[in-house]
Amino acid sequence: MQKSVFLGDVPPNRVDEIVLFSQELLNLETDAVYIFPMCRPDFEQVKIVGQGFDKPLVADEVLTKVI
């Protein structure tokens, strides 16, 4: 099973486009897309155990990072 994670600042209308595109592309019996809205204060409280993303890179400069 392959998994990807994308983190970024996405405008609401773009999220809607991603949802629509995902519904057309995915096999809804086996695949899934999760979209979690998160404000900056919540993001700053994220805790990771083990391997994670490079928080300074994704916090301000990079709009999307694949892990």
N, C-alpha and C. Protein backbone atom coordinates (compact mmCIF):
# COMPACT_ATOMS: atom_id res chain seq x y z
N MET A 1 0.85 -1.17 0.00
CA MET A 1 0.00 0.00 0.00
C MET A 1 0.89 1.24 0.00
N GLN A 2 0.65 2.13 -0.91
CA GLN A 2 1.41 3.37 -1.00
C GLN A 2 0.59 4.51 -0.43
N LYS A 3 1.26 5.38 0.32
CA LYS A 3 0.59 6.54 0.90
C LYS A 3 1.40 7.78 0.60
N SER A 4 0.70 8.88 0.39
CA SER A 4 1.33 10.17 0.18
C SER A 4 0.68 11.18 1.10
N VAL A 5 1.47 12.16 1.50
CA VAL A 5 0.94 13.24 2.34
C VAL A 5 1.33 14.55 1.70
N PHE A 6 0.37 15.46 1.59
CA PHE A 6 0.62 16.78 1.06
C PHE A 6 0.21 17.79 2.11
N LEU A 7 1.07 18.74 2.34
CA LEU A 7 0.81 19.76 3.35
C LEU A 7 0.98 21.11 2.69
N GLY A 8 0.02 21.98 2.86
CA GLY A 8 0.17 23.29 2.26
C GLY A 8 -0.99 24.21 2.54
N ASP A 9 -0.81 25.44 2.13
CA ASP A 9 -1.83 26.47 2.26
C ASP A 9 -2.65 26.44 0.98
N VAL A 10 -3.88 25.94 1.08
CA VAL A 10 -4.71 25.73 -0.10
C VAL A 10 -5.99 26.54 0.04
N PRO A 11 -6.29 27.40 -0.93
CA PRO A 11 -7.53 28.17 -0.87
C PRO A 11 -8.75 27.24 -0.91
N PRO A 12 -9.85 27.63 -0.27
CA PRO A 12 -11.04 26.77 -0.20
C PRO A 12 -11.54 26.30 -1.56
N ASN A 13 -11.52 27.17 -2.57
CA ASN A 13 -12.01 26.73 -3.88
C ASN A 13 -11.10 25.67 -4.50
N ARG A 14 -9.82 25.72 -4.18
CA ARG A 14 -8.88 24.70 -4.67
C ARG A 14 -9.14 23.37 -3.97
N VAL A 15 -9.49 23.42 -2.69
CA VAL A 15 -9.84 22.19 -1.96
C VAL A 15 -11.04 21.54 -2.64
N ASP A 16 -12.03 22.33 -3.00
CA ASP A 16 -13.21 21.80 -3.70
C ASP A 16 -12.81 21.12 -5.00
N GLU A 17 -11.89 21.72 -5.74
CA GLU A 17 -11.41 21.12 -6.99
C GLU A 17 -10.71 19.79 -6.72
N ILE A 18 -9.90 19.74 -5.68
CA ILE A 18 -9.19 18.51 -5.33
C ILE A 18 -10.19 17.40 -4.98
N VAL A 19 -11.23 17.74 -4.24
CA VAL A 19 -12.25 16.77 -3.87
C VAL A 19 -12.93 16.22 -5.12
N LEU A 20 -13.35 17.11 -6.02
CA LEU A 20 -14.02 16.67 -7.24
C LEU A 20 -13.11 15.80 -8.10
N PHE A 21 -11.87 16.22 -8.27
CA PHE A 21 -10.90 15.46 -9.06
C PHE A 21 -10.66 14.09 -8.43
N SER A 22 -10.55 14.05 -7.11
CA SER A 22 -10.30 12.80 -6.40
C SER A 22 -11.45 11.82 -6.59
N GLN A 23 -12.67 12.32 -6.55
CA GLN A 23 -13.84 11.45 -6.73
C GLN A 23 -13.84 10.80 -8.10
N GLU A 24 -13.33 11.50 -9.10
CA GLU A 24 -13.27 10.95 -10.45
C GLU A 24 -12.10 10.00 -10.63
N LEU A 25 -11.00 10.26 -9.95
CA LEU A 25 -9.77 9.51 -10.16
C LEU A 25 -9.67 8.25 -9.31
N LEU A 26 -10.14 8.32 -8.07
CA LEU A 26 -9.93 7.23 -7.12
C LEU A 26 -10.94 6.11 -7.28
N ASN A 27 -10.52 4.94 -6.84
CA ASN A 27 -11.43 3.82 -6.65
C ASN A 27 -11.95 3.98 -5.23
N LEU A 28 -13.18 4.40 -5.07
CA LEU A 28 -13.73 4.71 -3.75
C LEU A 28 -13.88 3.48 -2.86
N GLU A 29 -13.72 2.29 -3.43
CA GLU A 29 -13.74 1.05 -2.63
C GLU A 29 -12.40 0.78 -1.96
N THR A 30 -11.31 1.28 -2.54
CA THR A 30 -9.98 0.95 -2.02
C THR A 30 -9.12 2.17 -1.68
N ASP A 31 -9.46 3.34 -2.19
CA ASP A 31 -8.62 4.53 -2.01
C ASP A 31 -9.33 5.56 -1.15
N ALA A 32 -8.57 6.52 -0.64
CA ALA A 32 -9.15 7.57 0.19
C ALA A 32 -8.31 8.83 0.10
N VAL A 33 -8.98 9.95 0.28
CA VAL A 33 -8.33 11.25 0.42
C VAL A 33 -8.87 11.87 1.69
N TYR A 34 -7.97 12.31 2.56
CA TYR A 34 -8.36 12.98 3.80
C TYR A 34 -7.89 14.42 3.70
N ILE A 35 -8.77 15.35 4.01
CA ILE A 35 -8.41 16.77 4.01
C ILE A 35 -8.71 17.30 5.41
N PHE A 36 -7.67 17.75 6.09
CA PHE A 36 -7.80 18.24 7.45
C PHE A 36 -7.47 19.73 7.49
N PRO A 37 -8.46 20.60 7.67
CA PRO A 37 -8.15 22.02 7.83
C PRO A 37 -7.40 22.23 9.14
N MET A 38 -6.40 23.09 9.10
CA MET A 38 -5.60 23.32 10.30
C MET A 38 -5.10 24.76 10.31
N CYS A 39 -5.40 25.47 11.38
CA CYS A 39 -4.91 26.84 11.51
C CYS A 39 -3.46 26.81 11.99
N ARG A 40 -2.78 27.93 11.87
CA ARG A 40 -1.36 28.00 12.25
C ARG A 40 -1.13 27.61 13.70
N PRO A 41 -1.94 28.10 14.67
CA PRO A 41 -1.69 27.68 16.07
C PRO A 41 -1.78 26.16 16.25
N ASP A 42 -2.72 25.53 15.56
CA ASP A 42 -2.82 24.07 15.65
C ASP A 42 -1.60 23.42 15.01
N PHE A 43 -1.17 23.92 13.84
CA PHE A 43 -0.01 23.36 13.17
C PHE A 43 1.23 23.45 14.05
N GLU A 44 1.38 24.55 14.75
CA GLU A 44 2.56 24.74 15.60
C GLU A 44 2.58 23.80 16.80
N GLN A 45 1.45 23.16 17.10
CA GLN A 45 1.39 22.21 18.21
C GLN A 45 1.50 20.76 17.75
N VAL A 46 1.71 20.55 16.45
CA VAL A 46 1.85 19.19 15.93
C VAL A 46 3.04 18.51 16.59
N LYS A 47 2.85 17.27 17.01
CA LYS A 47 3.93 16.47 17.60
C LYS A 47 4.13 15.24 16.73
N ILE A 48 5.37 14.92 16.43
CA ILE A 48 5.70 13.78 15.60
C ILE A 48 6.70 12.91 16.34
N VAL A 49 6.45 11.63 16.35
CA VAL A 49 7.38 10.67 16.93
C VAL A 49 7.97 9.89 15.76
N GLY A 50 9.29 9.84 15.67
CA GLY A 50 9.93 9.16 14.56
C GLY A 50 10.14 10.11 13.39
N GLN A 51 10.21 9.55 12.18
CA GLN A 51 10.48 10.34 10.99
C GLN A 51 9.29 11.22 10.66
N GLY A 52 9.55 12.45 10.35
CA GLY A 52 8.48 13.38 9.99
C GLY A 52 8.96 14.29 8.89
N PHE A 53 8.26 15.37 8.70
CA PHE A 53 8.65 16.33 7.68
C PHE A 53 9.55 17.40 8.30
N ASP A 54 10.22 18.14 7.44
CA ASP A 54 11.10 19.21 7.88
C ASP A 54 10.24 20.43 8.20
N LYS A 55 9.84 20.58 9.46
CA LYS A 55 8.86 21.60 9.88
C LYS A 55 9.24 23.02 9.43
N PRO A 56 10.51 23.46 9.53
CA PRO A 56 10.82 24.82 9.05
C PRO A 56 10.52 25.01 7.57
N LEU A 57 10.69 23.97 6.76
CA LEU A 57 10.43 24.11 5.33
C LEU A 57 8.95 24.22 5.03
N VAL A 58 8.13 23.41 5.68
CA VAL A 58 6.71 23.42 5.34
C VAL A 58 5.93 24.47 6.10
N ALA A 59 6.52 25.11 7.09
CA ALA A 59 5.79 26.08 7.90
C ALA A 59 5.52 27.38 7.14
N ASP A 60 6.43 27.79 6.28
CA ASP A 60 6.25 29.09 5.62
C ASP A 60 6.59 29.11 4.14
N GLU A 61 7.61 28.40 3.73
CA GLU A 61 8.14 28.57 2.40
C GLU A 61 7.57 27.62 1.36
N VAL A 62 7.40 26.37 1.70
CA VAL A 62 6.98 25.37 0.75
C VAL A 62 5.47 25.21 0.82
N LEU A 63 4.80 25.30 -0.31
CA LEU A 63 3.35 25.16 -0.31
C LEU A 63 2.92 23.70 -0.22
N THR A 64 3.71 22.79 -0.79
CA THR A 64 3.37 21.39 -0.76
C THR A 64 4.64 20.59 -0.56
N LYS A 65 4.57 19.59 0.30
CA LYS A 65 5.71 18.70 0.51
C LYS A 65 5.18 17.29 0.51
N VAL A 66 5.82 16.40 -0.23
CA VAL A 66 5.43 14.99 -0.26
C VAL A 66 6.33 14.23 0.67
N ILE A 67 5.71 13.43 1.54
CA ILE A 67 6.47 12.64 2.51
C ILE A 67 6.39 11.18 2.09
